[in-house]
C-alpha atoms as a PDB file:
ATOM      1  CA  UNK A   1     -10.906   0.667  -1.838  1.00  0.00           C
ATOM      2  CA  UNK A   2      -9.706   0.347  -5.412  1.00  0.00           C
ATOM      3  CA  UNK A   3     -11.520   0.878  -8.708  1.00  0.00           C
ATOM      4  CA  UNK A   4     -10.758  -0.103 -12.290  1.00  0.00           C
ATOM      5  CA  UNK A   5     -11.765   1.881 -15.369  1.00  0.00           C
ATOM      6  CA  UNK A   6     -11.372   0.992 -19.002  1.00  0.00           C
ATOM      7  CA  UNK A   7     -10.860   4.047 -21.199  1.00  0.00           C
ATOM      8  CA  UNK A   8     -10.790   4.104 -24.995  1.00  0.00           C
ATOM      9  CA  UNK A   9     -10.296   6.791 -27.600  1.00  0.00           C
ATOM     10  CA  UNK A  10      -9.466   7.408 -31.238  1.00  0.00           C
ATOM     11  CA  UNK A  11      -6.527   9.692 -30.461  1.00  0.00           C
ATOM     12  CA  UNK A  12      -4.401  10.693 -27.466  1.00  0.00           C
ATOM     13  CA  UNK A  13      -1.561  13.093 -26.733  1.00  0.00           C
ATOM     14  CA  UNK A  14       0.248  12.985 -23.396  1.00  0.00           C
ATOM     15  CA  UNK A  15       2.706  15.724 -24.227  1.00  0.00           C
ATOM     16  CA  UNK A  16       6.361  15.385 -23.305  1.00  0.00           C
ATOM     17  CA  UNK A  17       7.352  18.591 -21.462  1.00  0.00           C
ATOM     18  CA  UNK A  18      10.843  18.584 -23.009  1.00  0.00           C
ATOM     19  CA  UNK A  19       9.308  19.238 -26.448  1.00  0.00           C
ATOM     20  CA  UNK A  20       8.980  23.015 -26.529  1.00  0.00           C
ATOM     21  CA  UNK A  21       7.157  23.652 -29.820  1.00  0.00           C
ATOM     22  CA  UNK A  22       5.913  20.487 -31.468  1.00  0.00           C
ATOM     23  CA  UNK A  23       3.503  18.206 -29.615  1.00  0.00           C
ATOM     24  CA  UNK A  24       5.012  14.762 -29.057  1.00  0.00           C
ATOM     25  CA  UNK A  25       3.197  12.241 -26.890  1.00  0.00           C
ATOM     26  CA  UNK A  26       4.562   9.770 -24.385  1.00  0.00           C
ATOM     27  CA  UNK A  27       4.105   6.156 -25.460  1.00  0.00           C
ATOM     28  CA  UNK A  28       1.287   5.587 -22.955  1.00  0.00           C
ATOM     29  CA  UNK A  29      -1.031   7.536 -20.690  1.00  0.00           C
ATOM     30  CA  UNK A  30       0.660   9.300 -17.767  1.00  0.00           C
ATOM     31  CA  UNK A  31      -0.467   8.832 -14.139  1.00  0.00           C
ATOM     32  CA  UNK A  32      -1.610  12.464 -13.989  1.00  0.00           C
ATOM     33  CA  UNK A  33      -3.812  12.027 -17.079  1.00  0.00           C
ATOM     34  CA  UNK A  34      -5.196   8.795 -15.628  1.00  0.00           C
ATOM     35  CA  UNK A  35      -5.974  10.580 -12.355  1.00  0.00           C
ATOM     36  CA  UNK A  36      -7.853  13.254 -14.284  1.00  0.00           C
ATOM     37  CA  UNK A  37     -10.166  10.586 -15.732  1.00  0.00           C
ATOM     38  CA  UNK A  38     -11.163   9.460 -12.230  1.00  0.00           C
ATOM     39  CA  UNK A  39     -11.611  13.075 -11.132  1.00  0.00           C
ATOM     40  CA  UNK A  40     -13.894  13.781 -14.091  1.00  0.00           C
ATOM     41  CA  UNK A  41     -16.300  11.178 -12.688  1.00  0.00           C
ATOM     42  CA  UNK A  42     -16.029  12.187  -9.029  1.00  0.00           C
ATOM     43  CA  UNK A  43     -14.043  15.047  -7.573  1.00  0.00           C
ATOM     44  CA  UNK A  44     -14.453  16.395  -4.052  1.00  0.00           C
ATOM     45  CA  UNK A  45     -12.050  18.417  -1.862  1.00  0.00           C
ATOM     46  CA  UNK A  46     -12.385  15.634   0.691  1.00  0.00           C
ATOM     47  CA  UNK A  47     -10.717  12.980  -1.498  1.00  0.00           C
ATOM     48  CA  UNK A  48      -7.495  12.618  -3.493  1.00  0.00           C
ATOM     49  CA  UNK A  49      -7.106  10.031  -6.259  1.00  0.00           C
ATOM     50  CA  UNK A  50      -4.001   7.859  -6.679  1.00  0.00           C
ATOM     51  CA  UNK A  51      -3.125   5.684  -9.671  1.00  0.00           C
ATOM     52  CA  UNK A  52      -1.496   2.327  -8.906  1.00  0.00           C
ATOM     53  CA  UNK A  53      -1.361   0.473 -12.208  1.00  0.00           C
ATOM     54  CA  UNK A  54      -1.870   1.139 -15.916  1.00  0.00           C
ATOM     55  CA  UNK A  55      -2.596  -1.694 -18.349  1.00  0.00           C
ATOM     56  CA  UNK A  56      -2.167  -1.114 -22.087  1.00  0.00           C
ATOM     57  CA  UNK A  57      -4.868  -3.013 -23.958  1.00  0.00           C
ATOM     58  CA  UNK A  58      -4.024  -2.166 -27.586  1.00  0.00           C
ATOM     59  CA  UNK A  59      -0.701  -2.011 -29.472  1.00  0.00           C
ATOM     60  CA  UNK A  60       1.036   1.371 -29.322  1.00  0.00           C
ATOM     61  CA  UNK A  61       0.392   3.113 -32.641  1.00  0.00           C
ATOM     62  CA  UNK A  62       1.317   6.576 -33.833  1.00  0.00           C
ATOM     63  CA  UNK A  63      -0.048   9.181 -36.219  1.00  0.00           C
ATOM     64  CA  UNK A  64       1.313  12.528 -37.459  1.00  0.00           C
ATOM     65  CA  UNK A  65      -1.236  15.352 -37.442  1.00  0.00           C
ATOM     66  CA  UNK A  66      -0.797  19.003 -38.343  1.00  0.00           C
ATOM     67  CA  UNK A  67      -3.304  21.222 -36.595  1.00  0.00           C
ATOM     68  CA  UNK A  68      -4.069  24.882 -35.969  1.00  0.00           C
ATOM     69  CA  UNK A  69      -3.434  26.394 -32.558  1.00  0.00           C
ATOM     70  CA  UNK A  70      -3.837  29.845 -31.047  1.00  0.00           C
ATOM     71  CA  UNK A  71      -0.423  31.301 -30.279  1.00  0.00           C
ATOM     72  CA  UNK A  72      -1.480  33.898 -27.689  1.00  0.00           C
ATOM     73  CA  UNK A  73      -3.407  34.238 -24.436  1.00  0.00           C
ATOM     74  CA  UNK A  74      -5.498  37.063 -23.079  1.00  0.00           C
ATOM     75  CA  UNK A  75      -3.598  39.209 -20.543  1.00  0.00           C
ATOM     76  CA  UNK A  76      -4.855  38.941 -16.976  1.00  0.00           C
ATOM     77  CA  UNK A  77      -5.240  42.717 -16.836  1.00  0.00           C
ATOM     78  CA  UNK A  78      -7.800  42.578 -19.669  1.00  0.00           C
ATOM     79  CA  UNK A  79      -9.861  40.057 -17.725  1.00  0.00           C
ATOM     80  CA  UNK A  80      -9.608  42.142 -14.544  1.00  0.00           C
ATOM     81  CA  UNK A  81     -10.830  45.271 -16.349  1.00  0.00           C
ATOM     82  CA  UNK A  82     -13.753  43.345 -17.876  1.00  0.00           C
ATOM     83  CA  UNK A  83     -14.772  42.043 -14.426  1.00  0.00           C
ATOM     84  CA  UNK A  84     -14.738  45.622 -13.168  1.00  0.00           C
ATOM     85  CA  UNK A  85     -17.204  46.668 -15.863  1.00  0.00           C
ATOM     86  CA  UNK A  86     -14.875  47.444 -18.725  1.00  0.00           C
ATOM     87  CA  UNK A  87     -15.048  46.288 -22.314  1.00  0.00           C
ATOM     88  CA  UNK A  88     -15.235  42.553 -22.963  1.00  0.00           C
ATOM     89  CA  UNK A  89     -11.798  41.124 -23.838  1.00  0.00           C
ATOM     90  CA  UNK A  90     -11.272  39.719 -27.308  1.00  0.00           C
ATOM     91  CA  UNK A  91      -8.688  37.554 -29.006  1.00  0.00           C
ATOM     92  CA  UNK A  92      -8.838  37.311 -32.785  1.00  0.00           C
ATOM     93  CA  UNK A  93      -7.971  33.796 -33.822  1.00  0.00           C
ATOM     94  CA  UNK A  94      -7.050  34.731 -37.385  1.00  0.00           C
ATOM     95  CA  UNK A  95      -4.371  37.116 -36.098  1.00  0.00           C
ATOM     96  CA  UNK A  96      -2.855  34.550 -33.720  1.00  0.00           C
ATOM     97  CA  UNK A  97      -3.209  31.306 -35.643  1.00  0.00           C
ATOM     98  CA  UNK A  98      -0.224  28.932 -35.658  1.00  0.00           C
ATOM     99  CA  UNK A  99       0.084  25.612 -37.450  1.00  0.00           C
ATOM    100  CA  UNK A 100       2.037  22.945 -35.596  1.00  0.00           C
ATOM    101  CA  UNK A 101       2.819  19.309 -36.219  1.00  0.00           C
ATOM    102  CA  UNK A 102       2.124  16.666 -33.604  1.00  0.00           C
ATOM    103  CA  UNK A 103       3.043  13.045 -33.057  1.00  0.00           C
ATOM    104  CA  UNK A 104       0.008  11.503 -31.383  1.00  0.00           C
ATOM    105  CA  UNK A 105      -1.227   8.074 -30.341  1.00  0.00           C
ATOM    106  CA  UNK A 106      -4.155   6.510 -32.173  1.00  0.00           C
ATOM    107  CA  UNK A 107      -6.734   3.869 -31.328  1.00  0.00           C
ATOM    108  CA  UNK A 108      -5.826   3.612 -27.640  1.00  0.00           C
ATOM    109  CA  UNK A 109      -7.307   1.583 -24.801  1.00  0.00           C
ATOM    110  CA  UNK A 110      -6.146   1.415 -21.181  1.00  0.00           C
ATOM    111  CA  UNK A 111      -7.236  -0.220 -17.955  1.00  0.00           C
ATOM    112  CA  UNK A 112      -6.617   2.159 -15.067  1.00  0.00           C
ATOM    113  CA  UNK A 113      -6.353   1.005 -11.456  1.00  0.00           C
ATOM    114  CA  UNK A 114      -6.908   3.769  -8.912  1.00  0.00           C
ATOM    115  CA  UNK A 115      -8.067   4.473  -5.395  1.00  0.00           C
ATOM    116  CA  UNK A 116      -8.770   7.519  -3.275  1.00  0.00           C
ATOM    117  CA  UNK A 117      -7.857   8.595   0.212  1.00  0.00           C
ATOM    118  CA  UNK A 118      -9.504  11.149   2.448  1.00  0.00           C
ATOM    119  CA  UNK A 119      -7.785  14.510   2.700  1.00  0.00           C
ATOM    120  CA  UNK A 120      -7.501  17.038   5.506  1.00  0.00           C
ATOM    121  CA  UNK A 121     -10.562  18.782   4.035  1.00  0.00           C
ATOM    122  CA  UNK A 122     -12.826  15.829   4.801  1.00  0.00           C
ATOM    123  CA  UNK A 123     -15.646  16.777   7.152  1.00  0.00           C
ATOM    124  CA  UNK A 124     -17.096  14.915  10.106  1.00  0.00           C
ATOM    125  CA  UNK A 125     -19.777  13.342   7.920  1.00  0.00           C
ATOM    126  CA  UNK A 126     -17.346  12.249   5.202  1.00  0.00           C
ATOM    127  CA  UNK A 127     -16.215   8.643   5.006  1.00  0.00           C
ATOM    128  CA  UNK A 128     -14.668   6.351   2.400  1.00  0.00           C
ATOM    129  CA  UNK A 129     -17.780   4.193   1.981  1.00  0.00           C
ATOM    130  CA  UNK A 130     -19.892   7.199   1.026  1.00  0.00           C
ATOM    131  CA  UNK A 131     -17.525   8.362  -1.692  1.00  0.00           C
ATOM    132  CA  UNK A 132     -16.946   4.814  -2.957  1.00  0.00           C
ATOM    133  CA  UNK A 133     -20.676   4.370  -3.419  1.00  0.00           C
ATOM    134  CA  UNK A 134     -20.955   7.726  -5.183  1.00  0.00           C
ATOM    135  CA  UNK A 135     -18.137   6.891  -7.588  1.00  0.00           C
ATOM    136  CA  UNK A 136     -19.415   3.387  -8.387  1.00  0.00           C
ATOM    137  CA  UNK A 137     -22.941   4.661  -9.030  1.00  0.00           C
ATOM    138  CA  UNK A 138     -21.778   7.473 -11.303  1.00  0.00           C
ATOM    139  CA  UNK A 139     -19.276   5.324 -13.214  1.00  0.00           C
ATOM    140  CA  UNK A 140     -21.834   2.582 -13.878  1.00  0.00           C
ATOM    141  CA  UNK A 141     -24.218   5.140 -15.366  1.00  0.00           C
ATOM    142  CA  UNK A 142     -21.487   6.852 -17.407  1.00  0.00           C
ATOM    143  CA  UNK A 143     -21.946  10.094 -15.488  1.00  0.00           C
ATOM    144  CA  UNK A 144     -19.148  12.656 -15.258  1.00  0.00           C
ATOM    145  CA  UNK A 145     -18.711  16.271 -14.209  1.00  0.00           C
ATOM    146  CA  UNK A 146     -16.789  16.979 -17.401  1.00  0.00           C
ATOM    147  CA  UNK A 147     -16.037  14.829 -20.426  1.00  0.00           C
ATOM    148  CA  UNK A 148     -12.812  12.893 -19.710  1.00  0.00           C
ATOM    149  CA  UNK A 149     -10.043  13.261 -22.268  1.00  0.00           C
ATOM    150  CA  UNK A 150      -6.742  11.695 -23.214  1.00  0.00           C
ATOM    151  CA  UNK A 151      -4.111  14.365 -22.722  1.00  0.00           C
ATOM    152  CA  UNK A 152      -5.807  17.219 -24.593  1.00  0.00           C
ATOM    153  CA  UNK A 153      -9.467  18.192 -24.473  1.00  0.00           C
ATOM    154  CA  UNK A 154     -10.134  17.595 -28.165  1.00  0.00           C
ATOM    155  CA  UNK A 155      -9.221  13.915 -27.649  1.00  0.00           C
ATOM    156  CA  UNK A 156     -12.192  12.887 -25.543  1.00  0.00           C
ATOM    157  CA  UNK A 157     -12.541   9.288 -24.383  1.00  0.00           C
ATOM    158  CA  UNK A 158     -15.175   6.795 -23.321  1.00  0.00           C
ATOM    159  CA  UNK A 159     -14.961   5.020 -19.969  1.00  0.00           C
ATOM    160  CA  UNK A 160     -16.410   1.890 -18.408  1.00  0.00           C
ATOM    161  CA  UNK A 161     -16.334   0.685 -14.812  1.00  0.00           C
ATOM    162  CA  UNK A 162     -14.881  -2.821 -14.546  1.00  0.00           C
ATOM    163  CA  UNK A 163     -16.225  -4.821 -11.639  1.00  0.00           C
ATOM    164  CA  UNK A 164     -15.185  -8.361 -12.624  1.00  0.00           C
ATOM    165  CA  UNK A 165     -11.676  -8.023 -13.993  1.00  0.00           C
ATOM    166  CA  UNK A 166     -11.193 -11.774 -14.373  1.00  0.00           C
ATOM    167  CA  UNK A 167     -13.555 -11.653 -17.367  1.00  0.00           C
ATOM    168  CA  UNK A 168     -11.566  -8.915 -19.114  1.00  0.00           C
ATOM    169  CA  UNK A 169      -8.944  -9.426 -21.862  1.00  0.00           C
ATOM    170  CA  UNK A 170      -5.246  -9.473 -21.032  1.00  0.00           C
ATOM    171  CA  UNK A 171      -3.037  -6.461 -21.756  1.00  0.00           C
ATOM    172  CA  UNK A 172      -0.573  -6.485 -24.646  1.00  0.00           C
ATOM    173  CA  UNK A 173       2.522  -8.659 -24.299  1.00  0.00           C
ATOM    174  CA  UNK A 174       5.061  -5.902 -25.034  1.00  0.00           C
ATOM    175  CA  UNK A 175       7.819  -5.202 -22.491  1.00  0.00           C
ATOM    176  CA  UNK A 176      10.369  -2.382 -22.677  1.00  0.00           C
ATOM    177  CA  UNK A 177      11.654   0.614 -20.698  1.00  0.00           C
ATOM    178  CA  UNK A 178       9.754   3.821 -21.363  1.00  0.00           C
ATOM    179  CA  UNK A 179      12.222   6.185 -19.710  1.00  0.00           C
ATOM    180  CA  UNK A 180      11.422   9.104 -17.451  1.00  0.00           C
ATOM    181  CA  UNK A 181       7.739   9.971 -17.555  1.00  0.00           C
ATOM    182  CA  UNK A 182       5.705  12.756 -16.003  1.00  0.00           C
ATOM    183  CA  UNK A 183       4.167  11.498 -12.768  1.00  0.00           C
ATOM    184  CA  UNK A 184       2.192  14.527 -11.632  1.00  0.00           C
ATOM    185  CA  UNK A 185       2.487  18.173 -10.626  1.00  0.00           C
ATOM    186  CA  UNK A 186       3.379  19.200  -7.079  1.00  0.00           C
ATOM    187  CA  UNK A 187       1.508  22.280  -5.832  1.00  0.00           C
ATOM    188  CA  UNK A 188       2.758  22.119  -2.242  1.00  0.00           C
ATOM    189  CA  UNK A 189       5.964  24.131  -2.591  1.00  0.00           C
ATOM    190  CA  UNK A 190       6.554  27.893  -2.861  1.00  0.00           C
ATOM    191  CA  UNK A 191       7.106  27.582  -6.616  1.00  0.00           C
ATOM    192  CA  UNK A 192       3.998  26.124  -8.217  1.00  0.00           C
ATOM    193  CA  UNK A 193       3.623  23.839  -9.919  1.00  0.00           C
ATOM    194  CA  UNK A 194       6.706  21.619  -9.875  1.00  0.00           C
ATOM    195  CA  UNK A 195       6.730  18.533 -12.160  1.00  0.00           C
ATOM    196  CA  UNK A 196       7.442  15.090 -10.718  1.00  0.00           C
ATOM    197  CA  UNK A 197       8.830  12.213 -12.797  1.00  0.00           C
ATOM    198  CA  UNK A 198       9.342   8.462 -12.484  1.00  0.00           C
ATOM    199  CA  UNK A 199      11.262   5.918 -14.529  1.00  0.00           C
ATOM    200  CA  UNK A 200       8.451   3.997 -16.221  1.00  0.00           C
ATOM    201  CA  UNK A 201       8.769   0.446 -17.505  1.00  0.00           C
ATOM    202  CA  UNK A 202       6.289  -1.585 -19.515  1.00  0.00           C
ATOM    203  CA  UNK A 203       6.187  -5.224 -18.371  1.00  0.00           C
ATOM    204  CA  UNK A 204       3.874  -7.426 -20.422  1.00  0.00           C
ATOM    205  CA  UNK A 205       1.654  -4.428 -21.090  1.00  0.00           C
ATOM    206  CA  UNK A 206       1.560  -3.263 -17.459  1.00  0.00           C
ATOM    207  CA  UNK A 207       3.058  -0.165 -15.822  1.00  0.00           C
ATOM    208  CA  UNK A 208       3.256  -0.231 -12.043  1.00  0.00           C
ATOM    209  CA  UNK A 209       3.001   3.322 -10.713  1.00  0.00           C
ATOM    210  CA  UNK A 210       4.970   4.042  -7.516  1.00  0.00           C
ATOM    211  CA  UNK A 211       3.489   5.888  -4.555  1.00  0.00           C
ATOM    212  CA  UNK A 212       3.915   9.646  -4.571  1.00  0.00           C
ATOM    213  CA  UNK A 213       6.227   9.547  -1.539  1.00  0.00           C
ATOM    214  CA  UNK A 214       8.420   6.816  -2.998  1.00  0.00           C
ATOM    215  CA  UNK A 215      12.084   7.396  -3.802  1.00  0.00           C
ATOM    216  CA  UNK A 216      11.237   6.387  -7.375  1.00  0.00           C
ATOM    217  CA  UNK A 217       9.334   9.677  -7.808  1.00  0.00           C
ATOM    218  CA  UNK A 218      11.679  12.599  -8.309  1.00  0.00           C
ATOM    219  CA  UNK A 219      11.256  16.310  -8.832  1.00  0.00           C
END
Protein backbone atom coordinates (compact mmCIF):
# COMPACT_ATOMS: atom_id res chain seq x y z
CA UNK A 1 0.00 0.00 0.00
CA UNK A 2 1.37 3.39 -0.97
CA UNK A 3 1.21 6.75 0.81
CA UNK A 4 1.82 10.32 -0.30
CA UNK A 5 3.17 13.10 1.90
CA UNK A 6 3.60 16.75 1.12
CA UNK A 7 6.55 18.29 2.95
CA UNK A 8 7.46 21.98 3.07
CA UNK A 9 10.22 23.98 4.67
CA UNK A 10 12.01 27.32 4.62
CA UNK A 11 15.44 25.78 4.09
CA UNK A 12 16.95 22.41 3.16
CA UNK A 13 20.41 20.91 2.78
CA UNK A 14 20.86 17.44 1.30
CA UNK A 15 24.63 17.46 1.47
CA UNK A 16 26.70 16.15 -1.41
CA UNK A 17 29.21 13.66 0.05
CA UNK A 18 31.93 14.72 -2.40
CA UNK A 19 32.07 18.16 -0.74
CA UNK A 20 34.49 17.62 2.13
CA UNK A 21 34.39 20.95 3.99
CA UNK A 22 31.70 23.27 2.73
CA UNK A 23 28.06 22.18 2.81
CA UNK A 24 26.58 22.05 -0.69
CA UNK A 25 23.11 20.61 -1.22
CA UNK A 26 21.79 18.43 -4.00
CA UNK A 27 19.20 20.17 -6.16
CA UNK A 28 16.33 18.19 -4.62
CA UNK A 29 15.61 15.93 -1.67
CA UNK A 30 17.36 12.55 -1.75
CA UNK A 31 15.49 9.23 -1.39
CA UNK A 32 17.19 8.59 1.96
CA UNK A 33 16.04 11.96 3.33
CA UNK A 34 12.54 11.30 2.02
CA UNK A 35 12.54 7.88 3.72
CA UNK A 36 13.52 9.53 6.99
CA UNK A 37 10.39 11.71 6.84
CA UNK A 38 8.17 8.62 6.65
CA UNK A 39 10.14 6.97 9.46
CA UNK A 40 9.70 10.02 11.68
CA UNK A 41 5.94 9.42 11.54
CA UNK A 42 6.04 5.64 11.93
CA UNK A 43 9.08 3.46 12.46
CA UNK A 44 8.97 -0.17 13.58
CA UNK A 45 11.56 -2.97 13.19
CA UNK A 46 8.84 -4.92 11.41
CA UNK A 47 8.61 -2.53 8.44
CA UNK A 48 11.00 -0.93 5.94
CA UNK A 49 10.07 2.18 3.95
CA UNK A 50 10.78 2.57 0.22
CA UNK A 51 10.51 5.77 -1.82
CA UNK A 52 9.13 5.41 -5.35
CA UNK A 53 8.65 8.94 -6.64
CA UNK A 54 9.56 12.51 -5.69
CA UNK A 55 7.62 15.47 -7.06
CA UNK A 56 9.12 18.96 -6.84
CA UNK A 57 6.35 21.47 -6.17
CA UNK A 58 8.30 24.75 -6.07
CA UNK A 59 11.09 26.14 -8.28
CA UNK A 60 14.60 25.18 -7.17
CA UNK A 61 16.08 28.19 -5.38
CA UNK A 62 19.38 28.62 -3.60
CA UNK A 63 20.77 30.67 -0.72
CA UNK A 64 24.30 31.11 0.67
CA UNK A 65 24.51 30.92 4.47
CA UNK A 66 27.54 31.10 6.73
CA UNK A 67 26.99 29.32 10.01
CA UNK A 68 28.87 28.16 13.09
CA UNK A 69 29.62 24.49 13.58
CA UNK A 70 31.42 22.45 16.22
CA UNK A 71 34.61 21.01 14.77
CA UNK A 72 35.13 18.16 17.25
CA UNK A 73 33.34 15.17 18.76
CA UNK A 74 33.58 13.61 22.18
CA UNK A 75 35.83 10.52 22.24
CA UNK A 76 34.01 7.24 22.83
CA UNK A 77 36.34 6.49 25.74
CA UNK A 78 35.10 9.60 27.57
CA UNK A 79 31.52 8.41 27.22
CA UNK A 80 32.45 4.91 28.39
CA UNK A 81 34.18 6.27 31.51
CA UNK A 82 31.16 8.48 32.31
CA UNK A 83 28.82 5.47 32.02
CA UNK A 84 31.06 3.61 34.45
CA UNK A 85 30.67 6.37 37.03
CA UNK A 86 33.43 8.72 35.99
CA UNK A 87 33.28 12.45 35.43
CA UNK A 88 30.69 13.77 32.98
CA UNK A 89 32.25 14.44 29.55
CA UNK A 90 32.38 18.01 28.31
CA UNK A 91 33.01 19.72 25.01
CA UNK A 92 33.55 23.47 25.07
CA UNK A 93 31.93 24.99 22.03
CA UNK A 94 33.98 28.18 22.14
CA UNK A 95 37.20 26.17 21.84
CA UNK A 96 35.94 24.10 18.89
CA UNK A 97 33.86 26.60 16.94
CA UNK A 98 34.26 26.65 13.15
CA UNK A 99 32.55 28.95 10.67
CA UNK A 100 31.63 27.36 7.35
CA UNK A 101 29.78 28.51 4.28
CA UNK A 102 26.90 26.52 2.85
CA UNK A 103 24.90 26.50 -0.35
CA UNK A 104 21.38 25.53 0.70
CA UNK A 105 17.93 25.28 -0.84
CA UNK A 106 15.23 27.71 0.22
CA UNK A 107 11.44 27.68 0.20
CA UNK A 108 11.09 24.01 -0.75
CA UNK A 109 8.05 21.79 -1.19
CA UNK A 110 7.95 18.14 -2.26
CA UNK A 111 5.37 15.42 -2.72
CA UNK A 112 6.83 12.10 -1.60
CA UNK A 113 5.43 8.75 -2.71
CA UNK A 114 6.42 5.85 -0.47
CA UNK A 115 5.36 2.44 0.74
CA UNK A 116 6.54 -0.08 3.29
CA UNK A 117 7.16 -3.79 3.27
CA UNK A 118 7.32 -6.21 6.16
CA UNK A 119 10.78 -7.27 7.27
CA UNK A 120 12.13 -10.49 8.73
CA UNK A 121 11.56 -8.98 12.19
CA UNK A 122 7.79 -8.91 11.73
CA UNK A 123 6.01 -11.02 14.33
CA UNK A 124 3.08 -13.38 13.98
CA UNK A 125 0.62 -10.63 14.87
CA UNK A 126 2.12 -8.10 12.46
CA UNK A 127 0.43 -7.41 9.14
CA UNK A 128 0.46 -4.66 6.52
CA UNK A 129 -3.09 -3.47 7.26
CA UNK A 130 -2.24 -2.80 10.90
CA UNK A 131 0.78 -0.66 10.10
CA UNK A 132 -1.02 1.13 7.25
CA UNK A 133 -3.79 2.13 9.63
CA UNK A 134 -1.27 3.30 12.23
CA UNK A 135 0.60 5.44 9.71
CA UNK A 136 -2.54 7.00 8.20
CA UNK A 137 -3.93 7.85 11.64
CA UNK A 138 -0.69 9.42 12.84
CA UNK A 139 -0.05 11.35 9.61
CA UNK A 140 -3.57 12.81 9.56
CA UNK A 141 -3.11 14.11 13.10
CA UNK A 142 0.39 15.45 12.40
CA UNK A 143 1.92 13.06 14.92
CA UNK A 144 5.57 12.03 14.70
CA UNK A 145 8.16 10.31 16.87
CA UNK A 146 10.65 13.06 16.09
CA UNK A 147 10.33 16.29 14.15
CA UNK A 148 11.04 15.53 10.47
CA UNK A 149 13.75 17.60 8.83
CA UNK A 150 15.12 18.38 5.40
CA UNK A 151 18.68 17.10 5.36
CA UNK A 152 19.90 18.63 8.63
CA UNK A 153 18.04 18.81 11.92
CA UNK A 154 17.97 22.61 12.10
CA UNK A 155 15.92 22.64 8.87
CA UNK A 156 12.72 21.14 10.21
CA UNK A 157 9.73 20.69 7.91
CA UNK A 158 5.96 20.43 8.03
CA UNK A 159 4.15 17.44 6.53
CA UNK A 160 0.64 16.66 5.34
CA UNK A 161 -0.92 13.35 4.32
CA UNK A 162 -2.41 13.53 0.83
CA UNK A 163 -5.35 11.21 0.31
CA UNK A 164 -6.89 12.67 -2.88
CA UNK A 165 -3.95 13.50 -5.11
CA UNK A 166 -6.14 14.47 -8.06
CA UNK A 167 -7.03 17.67 -6.18
CA UNK A 168 -3.39 18.64 -5.64
CA UNK A 169 -1.36 21.08 -7.79
CA UNK A 170 0.97 19.80 -10.50
CA UNK A 171 4.73 19.70 -9.96
CA UNK A 172 7.03 22.21 -11.64
CA UNK A 173 7.57 21.86 -15.39
CA UNK A 174 11.38 21.76 -15.26
CA UNK A 175 13.21 18.81 -16.83
CA UNK A 176 16.96 18.17 -16.69
CA UNK A 177 19.50 15.54 -15.58
CA UNK A 178 20.57 15.87 -11.97
CA UNK A 179 23.55 13.52 -12.14
CA UNK A 180 24.54 10.90 -9.61
CA UNK A 181 22.64 11.32 -6.36
CA UNK A 182 22.85 9.57 -3.01
CA UNK A 183 20.22 6.83 -2.89
CA UNK A 184 20.73 5.44 0.60
CA UNK A 185 23.25 3.78 2.89
CA UNK A 186 23.81 0.02 2.85
CA UNK A 187 24.40 -1.50 6.30
CA UNK A 188 24.37 -5.14 5.18
CA UNK A 189 28.04 -5.56 4.29
CA UNK A 190 31.12 -6.04 6.50
CA UNK A 191 32.09 -2.39 6.01
CA UNK A 192 29.29 -0.17 7.27
CA UNK A 193 27.81 1.94 6.01
CA UNK A 194 28.37 1.90 2.25
CA UNK A 195 26.74 4.67 0.15
CA UNK A 196 24.52 3.78 -2.80
CA UNK A 197 23.92 6.14 -5.73
CA UNK A 198 21.60 6.43 -8.73
CA UNK A 199 21.59 8.63 -11.81
CA UNK A 200 18.69 10.98 -11.08
CA UNK A 201 16.72 12.82 -13.74
CA UNK A 202 14.04 15.46 -13.31
CA UNK A 203 11.19 15.00 -15.81
CA UNK A 204 8.52 17.68 -15.62
CA UNK A 205 9.22 18.09 -11.92
CA UNK A 206 9.18 14.35 -11.16
CA UNK A 207 12.01 12.02 -10.13
CA UNK A 208 11.29 8.31 -10.44
CA UNK A 209 13.30 6.42 -7.82
CA UNK A 210 14.46 2.92 -8.84
CA UNK A 211 14.09 -0.11 -6.58
CA UNK A 212 17.00 -0.81 -4.27
CA UNK A 213 17.86 -4.04 -6.09
CA UNK A 214 17.78 -2.42 -9.52
CA UNK A 215 20.87 -2.20 -11.72
CA UNK A 216 20.36 1.57 -11.70
CA UNK A 217 21.43 1.66 -8.02
CA UNK A 218 25.18 1.33 -7.65
CA UNK A 219 27.58 1.24 -4.75
